[in-house]
Amino acid sequence: MRSLNGGCQVPMGVYGTVKEGQLHLEALISSLDGTQVYQGHMDGPVEGAEAMGVDLADQLRKEGAQAIIDELLQEGVPTMTGLVYLIELVRAMLSSSPSRGESVLKKADVVVYDYLADSQLLTLCKG
């Protein structure tokens, strides 16, 4: 979703689940009033998570989602980009590619977690 240049003011999101090394992504972007909604999904190996996210964003862009972002930019709505990983995805990355999983946590500006998060994963986060 980062490649769509959306931000906190844009109703958009991605939800990912990992099962047996396979990542399932679902994404949505909507106009502020909810009259335009674009949805998509994609499946693939967890090692290709970032590329899948870019491909899914491209799919939504081709369907028309970029028009929502462009309209908001023309109206002067500020956008901010960032990268969010779900802790379960990071856990899967650590299993399949420990250095990639550690890199994700060390670079994260913000980590959101709940009481189920493994405290050892949190020690990998930057200070």
N, C-alpha and C. Protein backbone atom coordinates (compact mmCIF):
# COMPACT_ATOMS: atom_id res chain seq x y z
N MET A 1 0.83 -1.18 0.00
CA MET A 1 0.00 0.00 0.00
C MET A 1 0.88 1.25 0.00
N ARG A 2 2.09 1.08 0.47
CA ARG A 2 3.04 2.20 0.47
C ARG A 2 3.20 2.76 -0.94
N SER A 3 3.19 1.89 -1.94
CA SER A 3 3.40 2.35 -3.31
C SER A 3 2.22 3.16 -3.85
N LEU A 4 1.07 3.10 -3.17
CA LEU A 4 -0.06 3.93 -3.57
C LEU A 4 0.04 5.34 -3.00
N ASN A 5 1.00 5.56 -2.08
CA ASN A 5 1.23 6.86 -1.46
C ASN A 5 0.03 7.34 -0.67
N GLY A 6 -0.65 6.42 -0.04
CA GLY A 6 -1.76 6.79 0.84
C GLY A 6 -1.20 7.15 2.20
N GLY A 7 -2.05 7.31 3.15
CA GLY A 7 -1.61 7.62 4.50
C GLY A 7 -2.74 7.45 5.47
N CYS A 8 -2.58 8.01 6.64
CA CYS A 8 -3.57 7.85 7.70
C CYS A 8 -4.92 8.45 7.35
N GLN A 9 -4.95 9.42 6.44
CA GLN A 9 -6.20 10.06 6.07
C GLN A 9 -6.95 9.30 4.99
N VAL A 10 -6.38 8.23 4.49
CA VAL A 10 -6.99 7.45 3.41
C VAL A 10 -7.48 6.12 3.98
N PRO A 11 -8.77 5.81 3.79
CA PRO A 11 -9.27 4.52 4.28
C PRO A 11 -8.70 3.39 3.43
N MET A 12 -7.62 2.84 3.88
CA MET A 12 -6.98 1.75 3.16
C MET A 12 -6.29 0.84 4.15
N GLY A 13 -6.13 -0.41 3.78
CA GLY A 13 -5.45 -1.33 4.67
C GLY A 13 -5.19 -2.66 4.00
N VAL A 14 -4.33 -3.42 4.64
CA VAL A 14 -3.97 -4.75 4.17
C VAL A 14 -4.02 -5.68 5.37
N TYR A 15 -4.57 -6.84 5.16
CA TYR A 15 -4.63 -7.87 6.21
C TYR A 15 -3.95 -9.11 5.67
N GLY A 16 -3.03 -9.66 6.41
CA GLY A 16 -2.32 -10.84 5.96
C GLY A 16 -2.39 -11.97 6.96
N THR A 17 -2.49 -13.18 6.45
CA THR A 17 -2.43 -14.37 7.29
C THR A 17 -1.40 -15.32 6.69
N VAL A 18 -0.76 -16.08 7.55
CA VAL A 18 0.24 -17.04 7.12
C VAL A 18 -0.20 -18.43 7.56
N LYS A 19 -0.17 -19.35 6.63
CA LYS A 19 -0.49 -20.74 6.94
C LYS A 19 0.44 -21.63 6.13
N GLU A 20 1.20 -22.46 6.83
CA GLU A 20 2.11 -23.40 6.20
C GLU A 20 3.04 -22.72 5.18
N GLY A 21 3.59 -21.58 5.57
CA GLY A 21 4.54 -20.88 4.72
C GLY A 21 3.94 -20.09 3.58
N GLN A 22 2.62 -20.07 3.49
CA GLN A 22 1.94 -19.31 2.43
C GLN A 22 1.27 -18.08 3.03
N LEU A 23 1.45 -16.97 2.38
CA LEU A 23 0.87 -15.71 2.82
C LEU A 23 -0.37 -15.42 1.99
N HIS A 24 -1.44 -15.05 2.67
CA HIS A 24 -2.66 -14.61 1.99
C HIS A 24 -2.86 -13.14 2.38
N LEU A 25 -2.88 -12.25 1.38
CA LEU A 25 -3.09 -10.83 1.60
C LEU A 25 -4.45 -10.41 1.08
N GLU A 26 -5.13 -9.58 1.83
CA GLU A 26 -6.36 -8.94 1.38
C GLU A 26 -6.17 -7.45 1.56
N ALA A 27 -6.53 -6.67 0.55
CA ALA A 27 -6.34 -5.22 0.61
C ALA A 27 -7.61 -4.51 0.21
N LEU A 28 -7.75 -3.30 0.73
CA LEU A 28 -8.93 -2.48 0.44
C LEU A 28 -8.52 -1.02 0.45
N ILE A 29 -9.08 -0.26 -0.46
CA ILE A 29 -8.96 1.20 -0.42
C ILE A 29 -10.32 1.76 -0.78
N SER A 30 -10.70 2.82 -0.06
CA SER A 30 -12.04 3.39 -0.23
C SER A 30 -11.94 4.91 -0.30
N SER A 31 -12.89 5.50 -0.99
CA SER A 31 -13.01 6.96 -0.94
C SER A 31 -13.47 7.35 0.46
N LEU A 32 -13.28 8.61 0.83
CA LEU A 32 -13.66 9.04 2.18
C LEU A 32 -15.14 8.83 2.46
N ASP A 33 -15.97 9.01 1.45
CA ASP A 33 -17.41 8.84 1.67
C ASP A 33 -17.89 7.40 1.46
N GLY A 34 -16.98 6.50 1.09
CA GLY A 34 -17.32 5.10 0.92
C GLY A 34 -18.05 4.74 -0.36
N THR A 35 -18.18 5.70 -1.28
CA THR A 35 -18.90 5.40 -2.52
C THR A 35 -18.04 4.63 -3.52
N GLN A 36 -16.73 4.71 -3.38
CA GLN A 36 -15.83 3.96 -4.25
C GLN A 36 -14.99 3.04 -3.36
N VAL A 37 -15.02 1.76 -3.67
CA VAL A 37 -14.25 0.78 -2.89
C VAL A 37 -13.56 -0.16 -3.86
N TYR A 38 -12.26 -0.36 -3.64
CA TYR A 38 -11.49 -1.31 -4.45
C TYR A 38 -10.90 -2.34 -3.50
N GLN A 39 -11.08 -3.61 -3.85
CA GLN A 39 -10.58 -4.70 -3.03
C GLN A 39 -9.79 -5.67 -3.88
N GLY A 40 -8.86 -6.35 -3.26
CA GLY A 40 -8.09 -7.36 -3.98
C GLY A 40 -7.47 -8.33 -3.00
N HIS A 41 -6.99 -9.44 -3.51
CA HIS A 41 -6.31 -10.42 -2.67
C HIS A 41 -5.23 -11.10 -3.49
N MET A 42 -4.29 -11.71 -2.78
CA MET A 42 -3.17 -12.38 -3.44
C MET A 42 -2.61 -13.42 -2.49
N ASP A 43 -2.11 -14.52 -3.04
CA ASP A 43 -1.50 -15.58 -2.27
C ASP A 43 -0.11 -15.90 -2.81
N GLY A 44 0.80 -16.29 -1.92
CA GLY A 44 2.13 -16.68 -2.35
C GLY A 44 3.01 -17.01 -1.17
N PRO A 45 4.25 -17.39 -1.43
CA PRO A 45 5.17 -17.74 -0.35
C PRO A 45 5.50 -16.52 0.50
N VAL A 46 5.65 -16.74 1.79
CA VAL A 46 5.90 -15.65 2.72
C VAL A 46 7.20 -14.90 2.39
N GLU A 47 8.15 -15.57 1.77
CA GLU A 47 9.42 -14.91 1.41
C GLU A 47 9.21 -13.79 0.40
N GLY A 48 8.12 -13.84 -0.35
CA GLY A 48 7.83 -12.82 -1.34
C GLY A 48 6.84 -11.78 -0.88
N ALA A 49 6.73 -11.60 0.45
CA ALA A 49 5.69 -10.72 1.01
C ALA A 49 5.73 -9.30 0.45
N GLU A 50 6.90 -8.70 0.41
CA GLU A 50 6.99 -7.30 -0.04
C GLU A 50 6.60 -7.17 -1.51
N ALA A 51 7.09 -8.09 -2.35
CA ALA A 51 6.75 -8.06 -3.77
C ALA A 51 5.26 -8.30 -3.97
N MET A 52 4.68 -9.18 -3.16
CA MET A 52 3.23 -9.42 -3.26
C MET A 52 2.46 -8.15 -2.92
N GLY A 53 2.92 -7.43 -1.91
CA GLY A 53 2.26 -6.19 -1.53
C GLY A 53 2.30 -5.17 -2.65
N VAL A 54 3.44 -5.06 -3.30
CA VAL A 54 3.58 -4.13 -4.43
C VAL A 54 2.67 -4.57 -5.58
N ASP A 55 2.64 -5.86 -5.86
CA ASP A 55 1.79 -6.38 -6.94
C ASP A 55 0.31 -6.14 -6.64
N LEU A 56 -0.07 -6.34 -5.39
CA LEU A 56 -1.46 -6.13 -5.01
C LEU A 56 -1.83 -4.65 -5.12
N ALA A 57 -0.93 -3.77 -4.73
CA ALA A 57 -1.18 -2.33 -4.88
C ALA A 57 -1.31 -1.96 -6.36
N ASP A 58 -0.46 -2.55 -7.20
CA ASP A 58 -0.55 -2.29 -8.64
C ASP A 58 -1.89 -2.76 -9.20
N GLN A 59 -2.34 -3.91 -8.72
CA GLN A 59 -3.65 -4.43 -9.15
C GLN A 59 -4.76 -3.45 -8.79
N LEU A 60 -4.74 -2.94 -7.56
CA LEU A 60 -5.76 -1.98 -7.13
C LEU A 60 -5.64 -0.67 -7.91
N ARG A 61 -4.40 -0.26 -8.18
CA ARG A 61 -4.18 0.97 -8.94
C ARG A 61 -4.80 0.85 -10.33
N LYS A 62 -4.58 -0.29 -10.99
CA LYS A 62 -5.13 -0.51 -12.33
C LYS A 62 -6.65 -0.53 -12.34
N GLU A 63 -7.23 -0.96 -11.24
CA GLU A 63 -8.69 -1.00 -11.13
C GLU A 63 -9.28 0.38 -10.86
N GLY A 64 -8.42 1.35 -10.46
CA GLY A 64 -8.91 2.71 -10.26
C GLY A 64 -8.63 3.32 -8.91
N ALA A 65 -7.98 2.58 -8.01
CA ALA A 65 -7.74 3.08 -6.66
C ALA A 65 -6.85 4.31 -6.63
N GLN A 66 -5.95 4.45 -7.59
CA GLN A 66 -5.05 5.61 -7.60
C GLN A 66 -5.85 6.91 -7.71
N ALA A 67 -7.00 6.86 -8.35
CA ALA A 67 -7.83 8.06 -8.49
C ALA A 67 -8.26 8.60 -7.13
N ILE A 68 -8.47 7.71 -6.17
CA ILE A 68 -8.85 8.13 -4.82
C ILE A 68 -7.71 8.93 -4.19
N ILE A 69 -6.50 8.41 -4.29
CA ILE A 69 -5.33 9.10 -3.73
C ILE A 69 -5.11 10.43 -4.45
N ASP A 70 -5.19 10.43 -5.77
CA ASP A 70 -4.97 11.65 -6.54
C ASP A 70 -5.97 12.73 -6.16
N GLU A 71 -7.22 12.34 -5.98
CA GLU A 71 -8.26 13.31 -5.61
C GLU A 71 -7.96 13.92 -4.24
N LEU A 72 -7.54 13.09 -3.30
CA LEU A 72 -7.22 13.60 -1.97
C LEU A 72 -6.01 14.53 -2.01
N LEU A 73 -5.03 14.19 -2.82
CA LEU A 73 -3.85 15.05 -2.95
C LEU A 73 -4.23 16.40 -3.55
N GLN A 74 -5.12 16.40 -4.53
CA GLN A 74 -5.57 17.65 -5.14
C GLN A 74 -6.33 18.51 -4.14
N GLU A 75 -7.03 17.86 -3.20
CA GLU A 75 -7.77 18.59 -2.18
C GLU A 75 -6.88 19.06 -1.04
N GLY A 76 -5.61 18.64 -1.07
CA GLY A 76 -4.67 19.07 -0.05
C GLY A 76 -4.66 18.21 1.19
N VAL A 77 -5.28 17.04 1.13
CA VAL A 77 -5.25 16.14 2.29
C VAL A 77 -3.83 15.59 2.42
N PRO A 78 -3.19 15.78 3.58
CA PRO A 78 -1.82 15.31 3.73
C PRO A 78 -1.75 13.79 3.73
N THR A 79 -0.74 13.26 3.09
CA THR A 79 -0.52 11.81 3.13
C THR A 79 0.85 11.55 3.72
N MET A 80 0.96 10.45 4.38
CA MET A 80 2.23 10.02 4.94
C MET A 80 2.38 8.55 4.59
N THR A 81 3.56 8.16 4.26
CA THR A 81 3.77 6.75 3.96
C THR A 81 4.56 6.10 5.08
N GLY A 82 4.35 4.84 5.23
CA GLY A 82 5.05 4.06 6.23
C GLY A 82 4.90 2.60 5.87
N LEU A 83 5.52 1.78 6.64
CA LEU A 83 5.49 0.35 6.38
C LEU A 83 5.06 -0.34 7.66
N VAL A 84 4.05 -1.19 7.55
CA VAL A 84 3.52 -1.89 8.70
C VAL A 84 3.61 -3.39 8.44
N TYR A 85 4.13 -4.12 9.38
CA TYR A 85 4.16 -5.58 9.30
C TYR A 85 3.36 -6.12 10.48
N LEU A 86 2.57 -7.12 10.24
CA LEU A 86 1.88 -7.80 11.33
C LEU A 86 2.87 -8.73 12.01
N ILE A 87 2.79 -8.82 13.34
CA ILE A 87 3.76 -9.60 14.08
C ILE A 87 3.75 -11.07 13.64
N GLU A 88 2.61 -11.59 13.22
CA GLU A 88 2.56 -12.98 12.74
C GLU A 88 3.36 -13.14 11.46
N LEU A 89 3.32 -12.12 10.59
CA LEU A 89 4.11 -12.17 9.38
C LEU A 89 5.60 -12.14 9.72
N VAL A 90 5.96 -11.31 10.69
CA VAL A 90 7.35 -11.24 11.11
C VAL A 90 7.79 -12.59 11.69
N ARG A 91 6.92 -13.20 12.48
CA ARG A 91 7.24 -14.51 13.05
C ARG A 91 7.48 -15.53 11.93
N ALA A 92 6.65 -15.49 10.90
CA ALA A 92 6.83 -16.39 9.76
C ALA A 92 8.14 -16.08 9.03
N MET A 93 8.47 -14.79 8.90
CA MET A 93 9.73 -14.41 8.26
C MET A 93 10.91 -14.93 9.06
N LEU A 94 10.82 -14.83 10.39
CA LEU A 94 11.91 -15.31 11.23
C LEU A 94 12.11 -16.81 11.06
N SER A 95 11.02 -17.53 10.83
CA SER A 95 11.12 -18.98 10.64
C SER A 95 11.80 -19.31 9.32
N SER A 96 11.41 -18.60 8.27
CA SER A 96 11.92 -18.93 6.94
C SER A 96 13.18 -18.17 6.58
N SER A 97 13.33 -16.96 7.11
CA SER A 97 14.49 -16.12 6.79
C SER A 97 14.81 -15.25 8.01
N PRO A 98 15.52 -15.81 8.98
CA PRO A 98 15.77 -15.08 10.22
C PRO A 98 16.35 -13.68 10.02
N SER A 99 17.29 -13.52 9.09
CA SER A 99 17.90 -12.20 8.91
C SER A 99 16.88 -11.20 8.38
N ARG A 100 15.96 -11.64 7.51
CA ARG A 100 14.92 -10.74 6.98
C ARG A 100 13.96 -10.32 8.09
N GLY A 101 13.54 -11.27 8.91
CA GLY A 101 12.63 -10.97 10.02
C GLY A 101 13.25 -10.01 11.01
N GLU A 102 14.52 -10.24 11.36
CA GLU A 102 15.21 -9.34 12.28
C GLU A 102 15.34 -7.95 11.68
N SER A 103 15.66 -7.89 10.40
CA SER A 103 15.81 -6.60 9.72
C SER A 103 14.52 -5.79 9.77
N VAL A 104 13.39 -6.45 9.57
CA VAL A 104 12.09 -5.78 9.60
C VAL A 104 11.87 -5.14 10.97
N LEU A 105 12.10 -5.90 12.03
CA LEU A 105 11.86 -5.37 13.38
C LEU A 105 12.86 -4.28 13.75
N LYS A 106 14.09 -4.42 13.33
CA LYS A 106 15.11 -3.42 13.67
C LYS A 106 14.87 -2.09 12.97
N LYS A 107 14.23 -2.12 11.80
CA LYS A 107 13.98 -0.89 11.04
C LYS A 107 12.64 -0.23 11.38
N ALA A 108 11.76 -0.96 12.03
CA ALA A 108 10.42 -0.44 12.28
C ALA A 108 10.44 0.79 13.17
N ASP A 109 9.74 1.82 12.75
CA ASP A 109 9.59 3.03 13.57
C ASP A 109 8.56 2.81 14.67
N VAL A 110 7.55 2.00 14.37
CA VAL A 110 6.48 1.71 15.31
C VAL A 110 6.18 0.22 15.26
N VAL A 111 6.01 -0.38 16.41
CA VAL A 111 5.61 -1.78 16.48
C VAL A 111 4.36 -1.84 17.35
N VAL A 112 3.27 -2.34 16.79
CA VAL A 112 2.02 -2.49 17.53
C VAL A 112 1.84 -3.97 17.82
N TYR A 113 1.57 -4.29 19.07
CA TYR A 113 1.44 -5.69 19.44
C TYR A 113 0.44 -5.82 20.58
N ASP A 114 0.01 -7.05 20.83
CA ASP A 114 -0.88 -7.29 21.96
C ASP A 114 -0.21 -8.25 22.93
N TYR A 115 -0.94 -8.69 23.93
CA TYR A 115 -0.36 -9.51 24.98
C TYR A 115 0.11 -10.88 24.48
N LEU A 116 -0.29 -11.28 23.28
CA LEU A 116 0.13 -12.56 22.73
C LEU A 116 1.50 -12.51 22.08
N ALA A 117 2.03 -11.32 21.89
CA ALA A 117 3.33 -11.17 21.20
C ALA A 117 4.44 -11.83 22.02
N ASP A 118 5.32 -12.49 21.33
CA ASP A 118 6.47 -13.13 21.95
C ASP A 118 7.45 -12.05 22.41
N SER A 119 7.75 -12.01 23.69
CA SER A 119 8.62 -10.96 24.22
C SER A 119 10.02 -11.00 23.59
N GLN A 120 10.47 -12.17 23.15
CA GLN A 120 11.78 -12.25 22.49
C GLN A 120 11.77 -11.51 21.15
N LEU A 121 10.63 -11.53 20.46
CA LEU A 121 10.54 -10.77 19.21
C LEU A 121 10.70 -9.27 19.49
N LEU A 122 10.12 -8.82 20.58
CA LEU A 122 10.17 -7.40 20.90
C LEU A 122 11.57 -6.93 21.24
N THR A 123 12.44 -7.83 21.71
CA THR A 123 13.82 -7.43 22.00
C THR A 123 14.58 -7.08 20.73
N LEU A 124 14.08 -7.51 19.57
CA LEU A 124 14.74 -7.21 18.30
C LEU A 124 14.43 -5.79 17.81
N CYS A 125 13.42 -5.16 18.39
CA CYS A 125 13.03 -3.81 17.96
C CYS A 125 14.08 -2.79 18.36
N LYS A 126 14.16 -1.73 17.54
CA LYS A 126 15.13 -0.69 17.89
C LYS A 126 14.64 0.07 19.11
N GLY A 127 15.58 0.64 19.84
CA GLY A 127 15.41 1.28 21.12
C GLY A 127 14.31 2.17 21.33
